[in-house]
Amino acid sequence: MAERQRRKPGETRDKLMSAALALVGKGRHFASLGIREVTRQAGVVPTSFYRHFRNMDDLGLQLVDELGLVLRRMMREARGNVLQADKLMDESVAIFISHAQNNRSFFLFMAQGLAGESRAIQEGIRSEMRFFASELANDLRRLRLVDHLSDSDLEMTCDLVVRSVAFSLTDLLGVSADDDYQVDQIRKRTTRFLQLIFVGAAHWNSRA
């Protein structure tokens, strides 16, 4: 009783979420995790799980919310660092890779969730990706890079950008975090992917 009273509100919830991510970071697939395994990793009793989550899907959805916060921080950082429109891609890819390296377990969870068995988690991550694409579209309009594109074609362009970056994420997570050469090759290749997308977008005729 005294131990529970000493716990801060939300402390057990955070421990459970961190435990799930730690297990993912060790190579476990989130879909295969059980409640007892997560509570054991967190150092709490199994019954405490249900005070915070209905089931593992519910824990996963709350991790998706946390992932959304990471993605929003990335967008804010990119906006703050980009003073010229032509630096947007280089800067954004560099920031993405930095965040993926520093939050590796989160992004492993994202990669797993996109191809996972849980439709709820899969849709939650896709929803965050759609928000990311929408924010990118707003930035491109603000920088007047795509004034010739219709709203639907701009949406398609940004969706393609986000999908390309998400695909590059699997490459990034497949190499060691301290393999600077391979990480730099992925950075360069991802930037080229985006450059190619925008070269195509620059010549796209929305009225055709």
C-alpha atoms as a PDB file:
ATOM      1  CA  MET A   1       0.000   0.000   0.000  1.00  0.00           C
ATOM      2  CA  ALA A   2       2.769   2.424   0.973  1.00  0.00           C
ATOM      3  CA  GLU A   3       4.634   1.624  -2.242  1.00  0.00           C
ATOM      4  CA  ARG A   4       1.552   2.414  -4.335  1.00  0.00           C
ATOM      5  CA  GLN A   5       1.075   5.687  -2.479  1.00  0.00           C
ATOM      6  CA  ARG A   6       4.633   6.702  -3.295  1.00  0.00           C
ATOM      7  CA  ARG A   7       4.051   6.215  -7.021  1.00  0.00           C
ATOM      8  CA  LYS A   8       3.405   9.390  -8.978  1.00  0.00           C
ATOM      9  CA  PRO A   9       0.247   9.542 -11.106  1.00  0.00           C
ATOM     10  CA  GLY A  10       0.993   7.977 -14.478  1.00  0.00           C
ATOM     11  CA  GLU A  11       4.274   6.435 -13.312  1.00  0.00           C
ATOM     12  CA  THR A  12       3.085   2.846 -13.756  1.00  0.00           C
ATOM     13  CA  ARG A  13       1.525   3.688 -17.135  1.00  0.00           C
ATOM     14  CA  ASP A  14       4.829   5.172 -18.319  1.00  0.00           C
ATOM     15  CA  LYS A  15       6.739   2.153 -17.012  1.00  0.00           C
ATOM     16  CA  LEU A  16       4.483  -0.219 -18.943  1.00  0.00           C
ATOM     17  CA  MET A  17       4.838   1.760 -22.174  1.00  0.00           C
ATOM     18  CA  SER A  18       8.609   2.019 -21.743  1.00  0.00           C
ATOM     19  CA  ALA A  19       8.781  -1.713 -21.022  1.00  0.00           C
ATOM     20  CA  ALA A  20       6.929  -2.565 -24.238  1.00  0.00           C
ATOM     21  CA  LEU A  21       9.268  -0.319 -26.230  1.00  0.00           C
ATOM     22  CA  ALA A  22      12.314  -1.807 -24.510  1.00  0.00           C
ATOM     23  CA  LEU A  23      11.213  -5.291 -25.551  1.00  0.00           C
ATOM     24  CA  VAL A  24      10.655  -4.103 -29.126  1.00  0.00           C
ATOM     25  CA  GLY A  25      14.127  -2.561 -29.041  1.00  0.00           C
ATOM     26  CA  LYS A  26      15.537  -5.952 -28.030  1.00  0.00           C
ATOM     27  CA  GLY A  27      14.119  -7.539 -31.151  1.00  0.00           C
ATOM     28  CA  ARG A  28      10.649  -8.625 -30.043  1.00  0.00           C
ATOM     29  CA  HIS A  29       7.649  -7.928 -32.280  1.00  0.00           C
ATOM     30  CA  PHE A  30       5.014  -5.853 -30.519  1.00  0.00           C
ATOM     31  CA  ALA A  31       2.223  -8.153 -31.779  1.00  0.00           C
ATOM     32  CA  SER A  32       3.819 -11.092 -29.966  1.00  0.00           C
ATOM     33  CA  LEU A  33       4.108  -9.374 -26.573  1.00  0.00           C
ATOM     34  CA  GLY A  34       1.914 -10.555 -23.708  1.00  0.00           C
ATOM     35  CA  ILE A  35       0.700  -8.620 -20.695  1.00  0.00           C
ATOM     36  CA  ARG A  36       2.677 -10.729 -18.220  1.00  0.00           C
ATOM     37  CA  GLU A  37       5.884 -10.242 -20.195  1.00  0.00           C
ATOM     38  CA  VAL A  38       5.415  -6.462 -20.315  1.00  0.00           C
ATOM     39  CA  THR A  39       4.549  -6.184 -16.608  1.00  0.00           C
ATOM     40  CA  ARG A  40       7.547  -8.352 -15.716  1.00  0.00           C
ATOM     41  CA  GLN A  41       9.801  -6.045 -17.785  1.00  0.00           C
ATOM     42  CA  ALA A  42       8.234  -3.020 -16.089  1.00  0.00           C
ATOM     43  CA  GLY A  43       8.603  -4.504 -12.611  1.00  0.00           C
ATOM     44  CA  VAL A  44       4.921  -4.217 -11.720  1.00  0.00           C
ATOM     45  CA  VAL A  45       2.217  -6.772 -10.911  1.00  0.00           C
ATOM     46  CA  PRO A  46       0.053  -7.961 -13.845  1.00  0.00           C
ATOM     47  CA  THR A  47      -3.170  -6.671 -12.285  1.00  0.00           C
ATOM     48  CA  SER A  48      -1.832  -3.091 -12.425  1.00  0.00           C
ATOM     49  CA  PHE A  49      -1.854  -3.287 -16.239  1.00  0.00           C
ATOM     50  CA  TYR A  50      -5.643  -3.109 -16.334  1.00  0.00           C
ATOM     51  CA  ARG A  51      -5.722   0.124 -14.353  1.00  0.00           C
ATOM     52  CA  HIS A  52      -4.149   1.849 -17.358  1.00  0.00           C
ATOM     53  CA  PHE A  53      -4.927  -0.230 -20.466  1.00  0.00           C
ATOM     54  CA  ARG A  54      -7.763  -2.489 -21.599  1.00  0.00           C
ATOM     55  CA  ASN A  55      -5.432  -4.781 -23.538  1.00  0.00           C
ATOM     56  CA  MET A  56      -2.187  -4.719 -25.533  1.00  0.00           C
ATOM     57  CA  ASP A  57      -3.900  -3.007 -28.480  1.00  0.00           C
ATOM     58  CA  ASP A  58      -4.869  -0.170 -26.134  1.00  0.00           C
ATOM     59  CA  LEU A  59      -1.260   0.164 -24.965  1.00  0.00           C
ATOM     60  CA  GLY A  60      -0.171   0.152 -28.614  1.00  0.00           C
ATOM     61  CA  LEU A  61      -2.606   2.936 -29.503  1.00  0.00           C
ATOM     62  CA  GLN A  62      -1.251   5.074 -26.688  1.00  0.00           C
ATOM     63  CA  LEU A  63       2.239   4.430 -28.031  1.00  0.00           C
ATOM     64  CA  VAL A  64       0.952   5.648 -31.404  1.00  0.00           C
ATOM     65  CA  ASP A  65      -0.117   8.887 -29.692  1.00  0.00           C
ATOM     66  CA  GLU A  66       3.405   9.253 -28.275  1.00  0.00           C
ATOM     67  CA  LEU A  67       4.838   8.542 -31.730  1.00  0.00           C
ATOM     68  CA  GLY A  68       2.645  11.359 -33.082  1.00  0.00           C
ATOM     69  CA  LEU A  69       4.289  13.739 -30.608  1.00  0.00           C
ATOM     70  CA  VAL A  70       7.730  12.670 -31.872  1.00  0.00           C
ATOM     71  CA  LEU A  71       6.646  13.310 -35.485  1.00  0.00           C
ATOM     72  CA  ARG A  72       5.275  16.744 -34.566  1.00  0.00           C
ATOM     73  CA  ARG A  73       8.562  17.655 -32.870  1.00  0.00           C
ATOM     74  CA  MET A  74      10.315  16.664 -36.097  1.00  0.00           C
ATOM     75  CA  MET A  75       8.070  18.989 -38.117  1.00  0.00           C
ATOM     76  CA  ARG A  76       8.629  21.900 -35.738  1.00  0.00           C
ATOM     77  CA  GLU A  77      12.382  21.368 -35.817  1.00  0.00           C
ATOM     78  CA  ALA A  78      12.410  21.268 -39.619  1.00  0.00           C
ATOM     79  CA  ARG A  79      10.375  24.500 -39.805  1.00  0.00           C
ATOM     80  CA  GLY A  80      12.658  26.218 -37.337  1.00  0.00           C
ATOM     81  CA  ASN A  81      15.850  25.265 -39.194  1.00  0.00           C
ATOM     82  CA  VAL A  82      14.748  25.871 -42.791  1.00  0.00           C
ATOM     83  CA  LEU A  83      15.254  29.435 -43.950  1.00  0.00           C
ATOM     84  CA  GLN A  84      15.381  28.652 -47.658  1.00  0.00           C
ATOM     85  CA  ALA A  85      12.947  26.495 -49.602  1.00  0.00           C
ATOM     86  CA  ASP A  86      15.701  24.544 -51.382  1.00  0.00           C
ATOM     87  CA  LYS A  87      17.067  23.337 -48.032  1.00  0.00           C
ATOM     88  CA  LEU A  88      13.760  21.780 -46.970  1.00  0.00           C
ATOM     89  CA  MET A  89      14.462  18.233 -48.205  1.00  0.00           C
ATOM     90  CA  ASP A  90      18.057  17.970 -46.966  1.00  0.00           C
ATOM     91  CA  GLU A  91      17.160  19.365 -43.573  1.00  0.00           C
ATOM     92  CA  SER A  92      13.986  17.317 -43.172  1.00  0.00           C
ATOM     93  CA  VAL A  93      15.691  14.014 -44.058  1.00  0.00           C
ATOM     94  CA  ALA A  94      18.604  14.761 -41.707  1.00  0.00           C
ATOM     95  CA  ILE A  95      16.155  15.542 -38.873  1.00  0.00           C
ATOM     96  CA  PHE A  96      14.134  12.403 -39.605  1.00  0.00           C
ATOM     97  CA  ILE A  97      17.233  10.201 -39.448  1.00  0.00           C
ATOM     98  CA  SER A  98      18.413  11.887 -36.250  1.00  0.00           C
ATOM     99  CA  HIS A  99      15.055  11.293 -34.547  1.00  0.00           C
ATOM    100  CA  ALA A 100      14.875   7.713 -35.828  1.00  0.00           C
ATOM    101  CA  GLN A 101      18.337   7.052 -34.382  1.00  0.00           C
ATOM    102  CA  ASN A 102      17.509   8.680 -31.054  1.00  0.00           C
ATOM    103  CA  ASN A 103      14.081   7.029 -30.774  1.00  0.00           C
ATOM    104  CA  ARG A 104      14.934   3.717 -32.395  1.00  0.00           C
ATOM    105  CA  SER A 105      12.475   1.610 -30.400  1.00  0.00           C
ATOM    106  CA  PHE A 106       9.624   3.992 -31.252  1.00  0.00           C
ATOM    107  CA  PHE A 107      10.364   3.780 -34.957  1.00  0.00           C
ATOM    108  CA  LEU A 108      10.793  -0.001 -34.783  1.00  0.00           C
ATOM    109  CA  PHE A 109       7.319  -0.075 -33.267  1.00  0.00           C
ATOM    110  CA  MET A 110       6.084   2.109 -36.141  1.00  0.00           C
ATOM    111  CA  ALA A 111       7.612  -0.164 -38.785  1.00  0.00           C
ATOM    112  CA  GLN A 112       6.171  -3.253 -37.101  1.00  0.00           C
ATOM    113  CA  GLY A 113       2.767  -1.643 -36.642  1.00  0.00           C
ATOM    114  CA  LEU A 114       2.400  -0.720 -40.297  1.00  0.00           C
ATOM    115  CA  ALA A 115       2.654  -4.369 -41.272  1.00  0.00           C
ATOM    116  CA  GLY A 116       1.289  -5.831 -38.050  1.00  0.00           C
ATOM    117  CA  GLU A 117      -1.792  -7.871 -37.266  1.00  0.00           C
ATOM    118  CA  SER A 118      -3.618  -5.181 -35.294  1.00  0.00           C
ATOM    119  CA  ARG A 119      -5.886  -3.166 -37.581  1.00  0.00           C
ATOM    120  CA  ALA A 120      -6.390  -0.557 -34.851  1.00  0.00           C
ATOM    121  CA  ILE A 121      -2.666   0.106 -34.414  1.00  0.00           C
ATOM    122  CA  GLN A 122      -2.102  -0.009 -38.160  1.00  0.00           C
ATOM    123  CA  GLU A 123      -4.821   2.589 -38.765  1.00  0.00           C
ATOM    124  CA  GLY A 124      -3.539   4.727 -35.878  1.00  0.00           C
ATOM    125  CA  ILE A 125      -0.068   4.908 -37.441  1.00  0.00           C
ATOM    126  CA  ARG A 126      -1.516   5.587 -40.901  1.00  0.00           C
ATOM    127  CA  SER A 127      -3.571   8.406 -39.392  1.00  0.00           C
ATOM    128  CA  GLU A 128      -0.390   9.968 -37.983  1.00  0.00           C
ATOM    129  CA  MET A 129       1.242   9.618 -41.411  1.00  0.00           C
ATOM    130  CA  ARG A 130      -1.728  11.381 -43.041  1.00  0.00           C
ATOM    131  CA  PHE A 131      -1.398  14.212 -40.530  1.00  0.00           C
ATOM    132  CA  PHE A 132       2.332  14.403 -41.307  1.00  0.00           C
ATOM    133  CA  ALA A 133       1.541  14.635 -45.044  1.00  0.00           C
ATOM    134  CA  SER A 134      -1.051  17.352 -44.377  1.00  0.00           C
ATOM    135  CA  GLU A 135       1.458  19.415 -42.400  1.00  0.00           C
ATOM    136  CA  LEU A 136       4.008  18.977 -45.186  1.00  0.00           C
ATOM    137  CA  ALA A 137       1.454  20.228 -47.716  1.00  0.00           C
ATOM    138  CA  ASN A 138       0.856  23.331 -45.584  1.00  0.00           C
ATOM    139  CA  ASP A 139       4.611  24.000 -45.447  1.00  0.00           C
ATOM    140  CA  LEU A 140       4.978  23.606 -49.213  1.00  0.00           C
ATOM    141  CA  ARG A 141       2.132  26.060 -49.793  1.00  0.00           C
ATOM    142  CA  ARG A 142       3.717  28.491 -47.336  1.00  0.00           C
ATOM    143  CA  LEU A 143       7.065  28.273 -49.151  1.00  0.00           C
ATOM    144  CA  ARG A 144       5.271  28.703 -52.504  1.00  0.00           C
ATOM    145  CA  LEU A 145       6.956  25.625 -53.957  1.00  0.00           C
ATOM    146  CA  VAL A 146       3.877  24.040 -55.496  1.00  0.00           C
ATOM    147  CA  ASP A 147       1.500  26.841 -56.443  1.00  0.00           C
ATOM    148  CA  HIS A 148       0.772  25.128 -59.783  1.00  0.00           C
ATOM    149  CA  LEU A 149      -0.570  21.952 -58.127  1.00  0.00           C
ATOM    150  CA  SER A 150      -4.206  21.406 -57.289  1.00  0.00           C
ATOM    151  CA  ASP A 151      -5.025  20.476 -53.696  1.00  0.00           C
ATOM    152  CA  SER A 152      -5.612  16.832 -54.640  1.00  0.00           C
ATOM    153  CA  ASP A 153      -2.324  16.591 -56.556  1.00  0.00           C
ATOM    154  CA  LEU A 154      -0.448  18.237 -53.703  1.00  0.00           C
ATOM    155  CA  GLU A 155      -2.022  15.724 -51.340  1.00  0.00           C
ATOM    156  CA  MET A 156      -0.872  12.891 -53.627  1.00  0.00           C
ATOM    157  CA  THR A 157       2.673  14.338 -53.769  1.00  0.00           C
ATOM    158  CA  CYS A 158       2.939  14.620 -49.985  1.00  0.00           C
ATOM    159  CA  ASP A 159       1.515  11.131 -49.515  1.00  0.00           C
ATOM    160  CA  LEU A 160       4.221   9.816 -51.847  1.00  0.00           C
ATOM    161  CA  VAL A 161       6.879  11.690 -49.860  1.00  0.00           C
ATOM    162  CA  VAL A 162       5.696  10.216 -46.556  1.00  0.00           C
ATOM    163  CA  ARG A 163       5.490   6.703 -48.018  1.00  0.00           C
ATOM    164  CA  SER A 164       9.028   7.023 -49.423  1.00  0.00           C
ATOM    165  CA  VAL A 165      10.394   8.156 -46.059  1.00  0.00           C
ATOM    166  CA  ALA A 166       8.547   5.357 -44.251  1.00  0.00           C
ATOM    167  CA  PHE A 167      10.042   2.843 -46.697  1.00  0.00           C
ATOM    168  CA  SER A 168      13.522   4.283 -46.052  1.00  0.00           C
ATOM    169  CA  LEU A 169      12.880   3.752 -42.345  1.00  0.00           C
ATOM    170  CA  THR A 170      13.051  -0.024 -42.848  1.00  0.00           C
ATOM    171  CA  ASP A 171      16.487   0.424 -44.476  1.00  0.00           C
ATOM    172  CA  LEU A 172      17.649   2.609 -41.593  1.00  0.00           C
ATOM    173  CA  LEU A 173      16.498   0.161 -38.927  1.00  0.00           C
ATOM    174  CA  GLY A 174      18.265  -2.651 -40.781  1.00  0.00           C
ATOM    175  CA  VAL A 175      21.730  -1.194 -40.195  1.00  0.00           C
ATOM    176  CA  SER A 176      23.646  -0.591 -37.009  1.00  0.00           C
ATOM    177  CA  ALA A 177      23.002   2.821 -35.456  1.00  0.00           C
ATOM    178  CA  ASP A 178      26.754   3.477 -35.295  1.00  0.00           C
ATOM    179  CA  ASP A 179      27.427   2.511 -38.936  1.00  0.00           C
ATOM    180  CA  ASP A 180      27.953   6.092 -40.066  1.00  0.00           C
ATOM    181  CA  TYR A 181      28.699   5.148 -43.679  1.00  0.00           C
ATOM    182  CA  GLN A 182      25.495   3.161 -44.208  1.00  0.00           C
ATOM    183  CA  VAL A 183      23.393   5.740 -42.366  1.00  0.00           C
ATOM    184  CA  ASP A 184      24.813   8.481 -44.575  1.00  0.00           C
ATOM    185  CA  GLN A 185      24.105   6.408 -47.700  1.00  0.00           C
ATOM    186  CA  ILE A 186      20.484   6.018 -46.603  1.00  0.00           C
ATOM    187  CA  ARG A 187      20.272   9.757 -45.940  1.00  0.00           C
ATOM    188  CA  LYS A 188      21.592  10.567 -49.408  1.00  0.00           C
ATOM    189  CA  ARG A 189      19.368   7.999 -51.128  1.00  0.00           C
ATOM    190  CA  THR A 190      16.252   9.193 -49.291  1.00  0.00           C
ATOM    191  CA  THR A 191      17.020  12.792 -50.219  1.00  0.00           C
ATOM    192  CA  ARG A 192      17.376  11.733 -53.866  1.00  0.00           C
ATOM    193  CA  PHE A 193      14.033   9.945 -53.695  1.00  0.00           C
ATOM    194  CA  LEU A 194      12.385  13.164 -52.532  1.00  0.00           C
ATOM    195  CA  GLN A 195      14.226  15.279 -55.098  1.00  0.00           C
ATOM    196  CA  LEU A 196      12.941  12.984 -57.846  1.00  0.00           C
ATOM    197  CA  ILE A 197       9.390  13.274 -56.511  1.00  0.00           C
ATOM    198  CA  PHE A 198       9.557  17.061 -56.542  1.00  0.00           C
ATOM    199  CA  VAL A 199      11.149  17.211 -59.990  1.00  0.00           C
ATOM    200  CA  GLY A 200       8.157  15.245 -61.209  1.00  0.00           C
ATOM    201  CA  ALA A 201       5.753  17.440 -59.245  1.00  0.00           C
ATOM    202  CA  ALA A 202       7.334  20.576 -60.734  1.00  0.00           C
ATOM    203  CA  HIS A 203       6.420  19.365 -64.222  1.00  0.00           C
ATOM    204  CA  TRP A 204       3.026  17.951 -63.304  1.00  0.00           C
ATOM    205  CA  ASN A 205       0.051  19.608 -64.965  1.00  0.00           C
ATOM    206  CA  SER A 206      -2.916  19.477 -62.614  1.00  0.00           C
ATOM    207  CA  ARG A 207      -5.197  20.697 -65.399  1.00  0.00           C
ATOM    208  CA  ALA A 208      -4.346  17.792 -67.701  1.00  0.00           C
END
